[in-house]
Amino acid sequence: MQHIHSYRPAGEVTDPPVDIVTLPHDLRHLRRKLLHLSNGDMVMLDLKEAVLFHHGDRLVLDSGDTVEVRAAPEKLFEVKARDTLHLIELAWHLGNRHLSAQIEEGRILILRDHVIRAMLEGLGAKVAEIEEPFQPARGAYHSHGGHSHGSHAHGHDGHDHHHHHD
């Protein structure tokens, strides 16, 4: 079985990956784990410290080949507001409940939760059911610099990949 001891941030490697591993957001924070690749192979990820992987990151195999991390589509609520101020207010209410949220300029994505949906609709939000990859901000315990990612093909500026995790 091949092992993985290192990774490269999205966009750094241009060669095509030899395989793909698709993970939901809560399984992309990894240090040591047996991963099932899309072709049925298994590899052992064994890093010195835990890393929060993003869509497009590459895991480097012993052979030097890479495996691409894909964000699995998840069942989400897409929350839309009347205007920017309203969106900030909605984000604040979600933040108070320590929910994982992907906050963008025009919308907020959260995992489906019907109690929260009712609360948001009570605050005047429009809530729709969608399925797409989920890349929540790190939340209170991990500040992210607060910039929104409009597209999933965002180039990382390097520094937010090398945080030390508790």
N, C-alpha and C. Protein backbone atom coordinates (compact mmCIF):
# COMPACT_ATOMS: atom_id res chain seq x y z
N MET A 1 0.85 -1.20 0.00
CA MET A 1 0.00 0.00 0.00
C MET A 1 0.89 1.25 0.00
N GLN A 2 0.50 2.21 -0.81
CA GLN A 2 1.26 3.46 -0.85
C GLN A 2 0.92 4.35 0.34
N HIS A 3 1.89 5.16 0.72
CA HIS A 3 1.70 6.11 1.80
C HIS A 3 1.79 7.53 1.28
N ILE A 4 1.19 8.44 2.05
CA ILE A 4 1.23 9.86 1.73
C ILE A 4 1.79 10.58 2.95
N HIS A 5 2.88 11.31 2.74
CA HIS A 5 3.48 12.04 3.86
C HIS A 5 3.50 13.54 3.63
N SER A 6 3.07 13.98 2.44
CA SER A 6 3.08 15.42 2.17
C SER A 6 1.95 15.78 1.22
N TYR A 7 1.73 17.07 1.06
CA TYR A 7 0.67 17.54 0.17
C TYR A 7 1.09 18.85 -0.47
N ARG A 8 0.40 19.21 -1.53
CA ARG A 8 0.63 20.49 -2.20
C ARG A 8 -0.69 21.24 -2.30
N PRO A 9 -0.69 22.54 -2.02
CA PRO A 9 -1.93 23.31 -2.11
C PRO A 9 -2.50 23.32 -3.53
N ALA A 10 -3.80 23.52 -3.62
CA ALA A 10 -4.49 23.58 -4.91
C ALA A 10 -3.78 24.54 -5.85
N GLY A 11 -3.61 24.12 -7.11
CA GLY A 11 -3.05 25.03 -8.11
C GLY A 11 -1.54 24.92 -8.26
N GLU A 12 -0.87 24.29 -7.30
CA GLU A 12 0.60 24.23 -7.36
C GLU A 12 1.08 23.16 -8.33
N VAL A 13 0.33 22.05 -8.43
CA VAL A 13 0.74 20.93 -9.29
C VAL A 13 -0.12 20.98 -10.54
N THR A 14 0.52 20.97 -11.71
CA THR A 14 -0.27 21.05 -12.94
C THR A 14 -0.47 19.68 -13.60
N ASP A 15 0.39 18.70 -13.28
CA ASP A 15 0.19 17.36 -13.86
C ASP A 15 -1.14 16.81 -13.39
N PRO A 16 -1.78 15.99 -14.24
CA PRO A 16 -3.05 15.40 -13.79
C PRO A 16 -2.81 14.43 -12.63
N PRO A 17 -3.76 14.36 -11.68
CA PRO A 17 -3.61 13.41 -10.56
C PRO A 17 -3.80 11.98 -11.06
N VAL A 18 -3.19 11.02 -10.38
CA VAL A 18 -3.39 9.62 -10.75
C VAL A 18 -4.73 9.12 -10.20
N ASP A 19 -5.24 9.77 -9.20
CA ASP A 19 -6.53 9.37 -8.65
C ASP A 19 -7.13 10.51 -7.85
N ILE A 20 -8.32 10.25 -7.32
CA ILE A 20 -9.11 11.27 -6.63
C ILE A 20 -9.64 10.69 -5.34
N VAL A 21 -9.67 11.51 -4.29
CA VAL A 21 -10.37 11.12 -3.06
C VAL A 21 -11.41 12.22 -2.79
N THR A 22 -12.67 11.81 -2.64
CA THR A 22 -13.77 12.77 -2.46
C THR A 22 -14.25 12.70 -1.02
N LEU A 23 -14.21 13.85 -0.33
CA LEU A 23 -14.52 13.88 1.10
C LEU A 23 -15.46 15.03 1.43
N PRO A 24 -16.44 14.79 2.33
CA PRO A 24 -17.25 15.91 2.83
C PRO A 24 -16.42 16.79 3.76
N HIS A 25 -16.94 17.97 4.07
CA HIS A 25 -16.13 18.96 4.80
C HIS A 25 -15.63 18.43 6.14
N ASP A 26 -16.45 17.63 6.83
CA ASP A 26 -16.04 17.22 8.18
C ASP A 26 -15.02 16.10 8.15
N LEU A 27 -14.70 15.56 6.97
CA LEU A 27 -13.65 14.55 6.87
C LEU A 27 -12.41 15.08 6.15
N ARG A 28 -12.35 16.40 5.92
CA ARG A 28 -11.19 16.96 5.23
C ARG A 28 -10.14 17.51 6.20
N HIS A 29 -10.35 17.33 7.49
CA HIS A 29 -9.36 17.75 8.49
C HIS A 29 -8.65 16.49 8.93
N LEU A 30 -7.46 16.25 8.37
CA LEU A 30 -6.85 14.92 8.46
C LEU A 30 -5.40 14.98 8.91
N ARG A 31 -5.00 13.94 9.62
CA ARG A 31 -3.58 13.74 9.90
C ARG A 31 -3.17 12.32 9.53
N ARG A 32 -3.90 11.34 10.10
CA ARG A 32 -3.57 9.94 9.81
C ARG A 32 -4.87 9.22 9.50
N LYS A 33 -5.00 8.70 8.30
CA LYS A 33 -6.25 8.05 7.92
C LYS A 33 -6.04 7.18 6.69
N LEU A 34 -6.75 6.05 6.67
CA LEU A 34 -6.78 5.20 5.49
C LEU A 34 -7.79 5.80 4.52
N LEU A 35 -7.33 6.15 3.33
CA LEU A 35 -8.22 6.79 2.36
C LEU A 35 -8.58 5.83 1.23
N HIS A 36 -9.83 5.84 0.84
CA HIS A 36 -10.30 5.04 -0.29
C HIS A 36 -10.31 5.92 -1.53
N LEU A 37 -9.55 5.54 -2.54
CA LEU A 37 -9.50 6.33 -3.77
C LEU A 37 -10.65 5.93 -4.68
N SER A 38 -10.87 6.76 -5.71
CA SER A 38 -12.03 6.53 -6.57
C SER A 38 -11.91 5.22 -7.35
N ASN A 39 -10.68 4.73 -7.58
CA ASN A 39 -10.53 3.48 -8.35
C ASN A 39 -10.57 2.25 -7.45
N GLY A 40 -10.85 2.45 -6.14
CA GLY A 40 -10.94 1.30 -5.24
C GLY A 40 -9.66 1.02 -4.46
N ASP A 41 -8.54 1.63 -4.86
CA ASP A 41 -7.31 1.46 -4.10
C ASP A 41 -7.42 2.13 -2.74
N MET A 42 -6.54 1.73 -1.83
CA MET A 42 -6.46 2.41 -0.54
C MET A 42 -5.04 2.91 -0.35
N VAL A 43 -4.93 4.07 0.29
CA VAL A 43 -3.61 4.61 0.63
C VAL A 43 -3.66 5.08 2.08
N MET A 44 -2.50 5.09 2.71
CA MET A 44 -2.42 5.54 4.10
C MET A 44 -1.87 6.95 4.14
N LEU A 45 -2.71 7.87 4.58
CA LEU A 45 -2.27 9.25 4.79
C LEU A 45 -1.63 9.31 6.18
N ASP A 46 -0.42 9.83 6.25
CA ASP A 46 0.28 9.90 7.54
C ASP A 46 1.11 11.18 7.57
N LEU A 47 0.51 12.26 8.08
CA LEU A 47 1.17 13.56 8.10
C LEU A 47 1.68 13.87 9.50
N LYS A 48 2.66 14.77 9.58
CA LYS A 48 3.21 15.14 10.88
C LYS A 48 2.19 15.90 11.73
N GLU A 49 1.34 16.70 11.05
CA GLU A 49 0.31 17.42 11.80
C GLU A 49 -0.96 17.47 10.96
N ALA A 50 -2.07 17.70 11.63
CA ALA A 50 -3.36 17.71 10.94
C ALA A 50 -3.44 18.89 9.98
N VAL A 51 -4.10 18.65 8.85
CA VAL A 51 -4.27 19.68 7.82
C VAL A 51 -5.74 19.72 7.43
N LEU A 52 -6.25 20.92 7.23
CA LEU A 52 -7.62 21.08 6.73
C LEU A 52 -7.52 21.22 5.22
N PHE A 53 -7.93 20.16 4.51
CA PHE A 53 -7.76 20.15 3.06
C PHE A 53 -8.89 20.88 2.35
N HIS A 54 -8.53 21.51 1.23
CA HIS A 54 -9.49 22.21 0.39
C HIS A 54 -9.65 21.46 -0.93
N HIS A 55 -10.75 21.72 -1.59
CA HIS A 55 -11.02 21.21 -2.92
C HIS A 55 -9.85 21.55 -3.84
N GLY A 56 -9.27 20.55 -4.48
CA GLY A 56 -8.17 20.80 -5.42
C GLY A 56 -6.79 20.58 -4.85
N ASP A 57 -6.67 20.43 -3.53
CA ASP A 57 -5.37 20.13 -2.95
C ASP A 57 -4.90 18.76 -3.45
N ARG A 58 -3.58 18.56 -3.47
CA ARG A 58 -3.01 17.30 -3.93
C ARG A 58 -2.26 16.61 -2.79
N LEU A 59 -2.54 15.32 -2.65
CA LEU A 59 -1.79 14.48 -1.71
C LEU A 59 -0.66 13.83 -2.51
N VAL A 60 0.55 13.83 -1.96
CA VAL A 60 1.71 13.29 -2.69
C VAL A 60 2.00 11.87 -2.22
N LEU A 61 1.91 10.92 -3.15
CA LEU A 61 2.20 9.52 -2.84
C LEU A 61 3.70 9.28 -2.78
N ASP A 62 4.09 8.14 -2.17
CA ASP A 62 5.52 7.76 -2.13
C ASP A 62 6.14 7.78 -3.52
N SER A 63 5.35 7.39 -4.52
CA SER A 63 5.86 7.29 -5.90
C SER A 63 6.11 8.67 -6.52
N GLY A 64 5.61 9.72 -5.85
CA GLY A 64 5.72 11.05 -6.43
C GLY A 64 4.46 11.46 -7.18
N ASP A 65 3.60 10.48 -7.48
CA ASP A 65 2.31 10.81 -8.10
C ASP A 65 1.44 11.53 -7.09
N THR A 66 0.42 12.21 -7.60
CA THR A 66 -0.48 12.92 -6.68
C THR A 66 -1.91 12.45 -6.81
N VAL A 67 -2.64 12.58 -5.71
CA VAL A 67 -4.07 12.28 -5.64
C VAL A 67 -4.76 13.60 -5.32
N GLU A 68 -5.81 13.91 -6.07
CA GLU A 68 -6.51 15.18 -5.85
C GLU A 68 -7.64 15.02 -4.83
N VAL A 69 -7.70 15.97 -3.90
CA VAL A 69 -8.79 16.01 -2.93
C VAL A 69 -9.97 16.76 -3.56
N ARG A 70 -11.14 16.14 -3.56
CA ARG A 70 -12.34 16.81 -4.06
C ARG A 70 -13.30 16.98 -2.89
N ALA A 71 -13.97 18.13 -2.89
CA ALA A 71 -14.99 18.37 -1.87
C ALA A 71 -16.28 17.69 -2.34
N ALA A 72 -16.80 16.80 -1.53
CA ALA A 72 -18.03 16.08 -1.90
C ALA A 72 -19.21 17.05 -1.88
N PRO A 73 -20.14 16.91 -2.85
CA PRO A 73 -21.37 17.69 -2.75
C PRO A 73 -22.12 17.29 -1.49
N GLU A 74 -22.66 18.27 -0.77
CA GLU A 74 -23.40 17.97 0.45
C GLU A 74 -24.75 18.65 0.39
N LYS A 75 -25.67 18.12 1.20
CA LYS A 75 -27.02 18.68 1.24
C LYS A 75 -26.99 19.93 2.11
N LEU A 76 -27.14 21.08 1.47
CA LEU A 76 -26.97 22.35 2.16
C LEU A 76 -28.22 23.22 2.03
N PHE A 77 -28.28 24.23 2.87
CA PHE A 77 -29.23 25.32 2.67
C PHE A 77 -28.43 26.50 2.12
N GLU A 78 -28.96 27.12 1.08
CA GLU A 78 -28.39 28.35 0.55
C GLU A 78 -29.26 29.48 1.10
N VAL A 79 -28.62 30.37 1.86
CA VAL A 79 -29.33 31.44 2.56
C VAL A 79 -29.05 32.75 1.83
N LYS A 80 -30.11 33.43 1.39
CA LYS A 80 -29.93 34.71 0.71
C LYS A 80 -30.62 35.81 1.50
N ALA A 81 -30.03 36.98 1.45
CA ALA A 81 -30.51 38.11 2.25
C ALA A 81 -31.03 39.22 1.34
N ARG A 82 -31.69 40.19 1.95
CA ARG A 82 -32.19 41.34 1.18
C ARG A 82 -31.05 42.20 0.67
N ASP A 83 -30.03 42.37 1.48
CA ASP A 83 -28.90 43.24 1.12
C ASP A 83 -27.71 42.84 1.99
N THR A 84 -26.60 43.54 1.80
CA THR A 84 -25.37 43.17 2.50
C THR A 84 -25.53 43.25 4.02
N LEU A 85 -26.17 44.29 4.49
CA LEU A 85 -26.33 44.46 5.93
C LEU A 85 -27.15 43.31 6.51
N HIS A 86 -28.19 42.93 5.80
CA HIS A 86 -29.04 41.81 6.23
C HIS A 86 -28.21 40.51 6.26
N LEU A 87 -27.35 40.31 5.24
CA LEU A 87 -26.51 39.12 5.19
C LEU A 87 -25.58 39.07 6.41
N ILE A 88 -25.03 40.23 6.77
CA ILE A 88 -24.14 40.30 7.94
C ILE A 88 -24.92 39.94 9.21
N GLU A 89 -26.13 40.45 9.29
CA GLU A 89 -26.97 40.14 10.46
C GLU A 89 -27.25 38.64 10.55
N LEU A 90 -27.57 38.02 9.40
CA LEU A 90 -27.83 36.57 9.37
C LEU A 90 -26.57 35.80 9.77
N ALA A 91 -25.42 36.24 9.24
CA ALA A 91 -24.15 35.56 9.55
C ALA A 91 -23.87 35.65 11.05
N TRP A 92 -24.21 36.80 11.63
CA TRP A 92 -23.98 37.00 13.06
C TRP A 92 -24.84 36.02 13.88
N HIS A 93 -26.10 35.87 13.50
CA HIS A 93 -26.98 34.93 14.21
C HIS A 93 -26.45 33.50 14.09
N LEU A 94 -25.97 33.14 12.90
CA LEU A 94 -25.42 31.79 12.71
C LEU A 94 -24.14 31.62 13.53
N GLY A 95 -23.30 32.67 13.54
CA GLY A 95 -22.04 32.61 14.28
C GLY A 95 -22.27 32.43 15.78
N ASN A 96 -23.33 33.04 16.27
CA ASN A 96 -23.67 32.90 17.69
C ASN A 96 -23.99 31.47 18.05
N ARG A 97 -24.44 30.70 17.07
CA ARG A 97 -24.77 29.29 17.32
C ARG A 97 -23.63 28.37 16.95
N HIS A 98 -22.48 28.94 16.59
CA HIS A 98 -21.28 28.16 16.27
C HIS A 98 -21.55 27.14 15.17
N LEU A 99 -22.35 27.53 14.20
CA LEU A 99 -22.61 26.63 13.08
C LEU A 99 -21.52 26.81 12.03
N SER A 100 -21.18 25.71 11.37
CA SER A 100 -20.27 25.83 10.23
C SER A 100 -21.01 26.56 9.12
N ALA A 101 -20.40 27.59 8.58
CA ALA A 101 -21.05 28.35 7.52
C ALA A 101 -20.01 28.76 6.49
N GLN A 102 -20.40 28.69 5.22
CA GLN A 102 -19.56 29.19 4.13
C GLN A 102 -20.17 30.53 3.74
N ILE A 103 -19.47 31.60 4.06
CA ILE A 103 -20.03 32.94 3.88
C ILE A 103 -19.44 33.57 2.62
N GLU A 104 -20.31 33.93 1.70
CA GLU A 104 -19.89 34.57 0.45
C GLU A 104 -20.55 35.93 0.36
N GLU A 105 -20.22 36.68 -0.69
CA GLU A 105 -20.77 38.03 -0.78
C GLU A 105 -22.28 38.03 -0.93
N GLY A 106 -22.82 37.06 -1.68
CA GLY A 106 -24.25 37.10 -1.94
C GLY A 106 -25.07 36.06 -1.22
N ARG A 107 -24.42 35.20 -0.46
CA ARG A 107 -25.17 34.10 0.17
C ARG A 107 -24.35 33.47 1.29
N ILE A 108 -25.03 32.68 2.09
CA ILE A 108 -24.38 31.88 3.12
C ILE A 108 -24.82 30.44 2.91
N LEU A 109 -23.88 29.49 2.98
CA LEU A 109 -24.24 28.08 2.90
C LEU A 109 -24.08 27.44 4.27
N ILE A 110 -25.08 26.66 4.67
CA ILE A 110 -24.99 25.91 5.93
C ILE A 110 -25.52 24.49 5.68
N LEU A 111 -25.16 23.59 6.55
CA LEU A 111 -25.74 22.24 6.49
C LEU A 111 -27.24 22.35 6.80
N ARG A 112 -28.03 21.48 6.18
CA ARG A 112 -29.48 21.56 6.37
C ARG A 112 -29.86 21.29 7.82
N ASP A 113 -30.63 22.20 8.35
CA ASP A 113 -31.10 22.11 9.73
C ASP A 113 -32.41 22.88 9.77
N HIS A 114 -33.50 22.15 10.00
CA HIS A 114 -34.81 22.77 9.81
C HIS A 114 -35.15 23.78 10.91
N VAL A 115 -34.59 23.60 12.09
CA VAL A 115 -34.79 24.57 13.16
C VAL A 115 -34.13 25.89 12.77
N ILE A 116 -32.91 25.79 12.25
CA ILE A 116 -32.17 26.98 11.82
C ILE A 116 -32.87 27.63 10.63
N ARG A 117 -33.40 26.79 9.73
CA ARG A 117 -34.12 27.34 8.58
C ARG A 117 -35.28 28.22 9.05
N ALA A 118 -36.03 27.72 10.02
CA ALA A 118 -37.18 28.48 10.54
C ALA A 118 -36.71 29.80 11.15
N MET A 119 -35.61 29.74 11.88
CA MET A 119 -35.06 30.96 12.49
C MET A 119 -34.67 31.97 11.41
N LEU A 120 -33.97 31.49 10.37
CA LEU A 120 -33.50 32.39 9.31
C LEU A 120 -34.68 32.99 8.55
N GLU A 121 -35.69 32.16 8.28
CA GLU A 121 -36.86 32.68 7.57
C GLU A 121 -37.59 33.70 8.43
N GLY A 122 -37.59 33.47 9.75
CA GLY A 122 -38.17 34.43 10.67
C GLY A 122 -37.43 35.77 10.64
N LEU A 123 -36.13 35.71 10.27
CA LEU A 123 -35.32 36.93 10.17
C LEU A 123 -35.40 37.54 8.76
N GLY A 124 -36.24 36.94 7.91
CA GLY A 124 -36.44 37.52 6.58
C GLY A 124 -35.54 36.97 5.49
N ALA A 125 -34.83 35.88 5.77
CA ALA A 125 -33.94 35.30 4.76
C ALA A 125 -34.73 34.42 3.80
N LYS A 126 -34.19 34.25 2.59
CA LYS A 126 -34.71 33.26 1.65
C LYS A 126 -33.80 32.04 1.76
N VAL A 127 -34.38 30.86 1.98
CA VAL A 127 -33.58 29.65 2.17
C VAL A 127 -33.95 28.62 1.09
N ALA A 128 -32.94 28.11 0.38
CA ALA A 128 -33.17 27.12 -0.67
C ALA A 128 -32.34 25.88 -0.39
N GLU A 129 -32.86 24.70 -0.78
CA GLU A 129 -32.10 23.45 -0.64
C GLU A 129 -31.20 23.28 -1.87
N ILE A 130 -29.92 23.09 -1.64
CA ILE A 130 -28.99 22.87 -2.74
C ILE A 130 -28.05 21.72 -2.38
N GLU A 131 -27.34 21.21 -3.38
CA GLU A 131 -26.27 20.24 -3.13
C GLU A 131 -25.04 20.72 -3.85
N GLU A 132 -24.01 21.07 -3.09
CA GLU A 132 -22.73 21.46 -3.68
C GLU A 132 -21.64 21.30 -2.63
N PRO A 133 -20.37 21.38 -3.05
CA PRO A 133 -19.29 21.25 -2.08
C PRO A 133 -19.38 22.34 -1.02
N PHE A 134 -18.97 21.98 0.20
CA PHE A 134 -19.10 22.87 1.35
C PHE A 134 -17.71 23.18 1.88
N GLN A 135 -17.33 24.45 1.89
CA GLN A 135 -16.04 24.85 2.44
C GLN A 135 -16.27 25.92 3.51
N PRO A 136 -16.72 25.48 4.69
CA PRO A 136 -17.04 26.47 5.72
C PRO A 136 -15.79 27.21 6.19
N ALA A 137 -16.01 28.43 6.64
CA ALA A 137 -14.93 29.18 7.29
C ALA A 137 -14.54 28.42 8.55
N ARG A 138 -13.37 28.71 9.07
CA ARG A 138 -12.87 27.91 10.19
C ARG A 138 -13.67 28.11 11.47
N GLY A 139 -14.49 29.14 11.51
CA GLY A 139 -15.28 29.35 12.73
C GLY A 139 -14.47 30.08 13.79
N ALA A 140 -15.05 30.18 14.97
CA ALA A 140 -14.49 31.01 16.03
C ALA A 140 -13.09 30.55 16.41
N TYR A 141 -12.85 29.24 16.36
CA TYR A 141 -11.56 28.74 16.84
C TYR A 141 -10.47 28.92 15.81
N HIS A 142 -10.80 29.41 14.59
CA HIS A 142 -9.79 29.46 13.55
C HIS A 142 -10.08 30.57 12.58
N SER A 143 -9.53 31.72 12.79
CA SER A 143 -9.89 32.84 11.92
C SER A 143 -9.26 32.63 10.55
N HIS A 144 -9.93 33.11 9.53
CA HIS A 144 -9.54 32.81 8.16
C HIS A 144 -9.21 34.08 7.41
N GLY A 145 -9.18 35.22 8.10
CA GLY A 145 -8.93 36.46 7.39
C GLY A 145 -10.20 37.03 6.79
N GLY A 146 -11.29 36.26 6.86
CA GLY A 146 -12.59 36.80 6.51
C GLY A 146 -12.85 37.07 5.05
N HIS A 147 -11.95 36.70 4.13
CA HIS A 147 -12.30 37.00 2.74
C HIS A 147 -13.18 35.90 2.19
N SER A 148 -14.13 36.29 1.34
CA SER A 148 -15.07 35.29 0.82
C SER A 148 -14.48 34.66 -0.43
N HIS A 149 -14.82 33.41 -0.64
CA HIS A 149 -14.38 32.70 -1.83
C HIS A 149 -15.56 32.63 -2.78
N GLY A 150 -15.53 33.39 -3.83
CA GLY A 150 -16.66 33.36 -4.76
C GLY A 150 -16.70 32.06 -5.52
N SER A 151 -15.56 31.60 -6.06
CA SER A 151 -15.58 30.40 -6.87
C SER A 151 -14.85 29.29 -6.14
N HIS A 152 -15.07 28.06 -6.59
CA HIS A 152 -14.38 26.94 -5.95
C HIS A 152 -12.97 26.79 -6.48
N ALA A 153 -12.63 27.52 -7.53
CA ALA A 153 -11.30 27.40 -8.11
C ALA A 153 -10.40 28.50 -7.57
N HIS A 154 -10.59 28.88 -6.31
CA HIS A 154 -9.80 30.00 -5.82
C HIS A 154 -8.36 29.61 -5.60
N GLY A 155 -7.44 30.52 -5.94
CA GLY A 155 -6.04 30.28 -5.67
C GLY A 155 -5.77 30.68 -4.24
N HIS A 156 -5.16 29.80 -3.49
CA HIS A 156 -4.84 30.17 -2.11
C HIS A 156 -3.61 31.03 -2.11
N ASP A 157 -3.56 31.94 -1.17
CA ASP A 157 -2.36 32.76 -1.11
C ASP A 157 -1.33 32.12 -0.19
N GLY A 158 -1.42 30.80 -0.04
CA GLY A 158 -0.34 30.10 0.63
C GLY A 158 -0.47 30.05 2.12
N HIS A 159 -0.67 31.20 2.78
CA HIS A 159 -0.55 31.19 4.24
C HIS A 159 -1.68 30.48 4.93
N ASP A 160 -2.88 30.44 4.35
CA ASP A 160 -3.94 29.83 5.15
C ASP A 160 -3.90 28.31 5.12
N HIS A 161 -2.88 27.75 4.48
CA HIS A 161 -2.75 26.29 4.47
C HIS A 161 -1.88 25.78 5.59
N HIS A 162 -1.12 26.66 6.22
CA HIS A 162 -0.09 26.14 7.10
C HIS A 162 -0.36 26.50 8.56
N HIS A 163 -1.64 26.65 8.89
CA HIS A 163 -1.99 26.89 10.28
C HIS A 163 -1.63 25.68 11.13
N HIS A 164 -1.26 25.91 12.34
CA HIS A 164 -1.06 24.80 13.26
C HIS A 164 -2.36 24.53 13.95
N HIS A 165 -2.76 23.27 13.97
CA HIS A 165 -4.02 22.92 14.63
C HIS A 165 -3.74 22.48 16.04
N ASP A 166 -4.71 22.71 16.91
CA ASP A 166 -4.55 22.32 18.30
C ASP A 166 -4.32 20.83 18.38
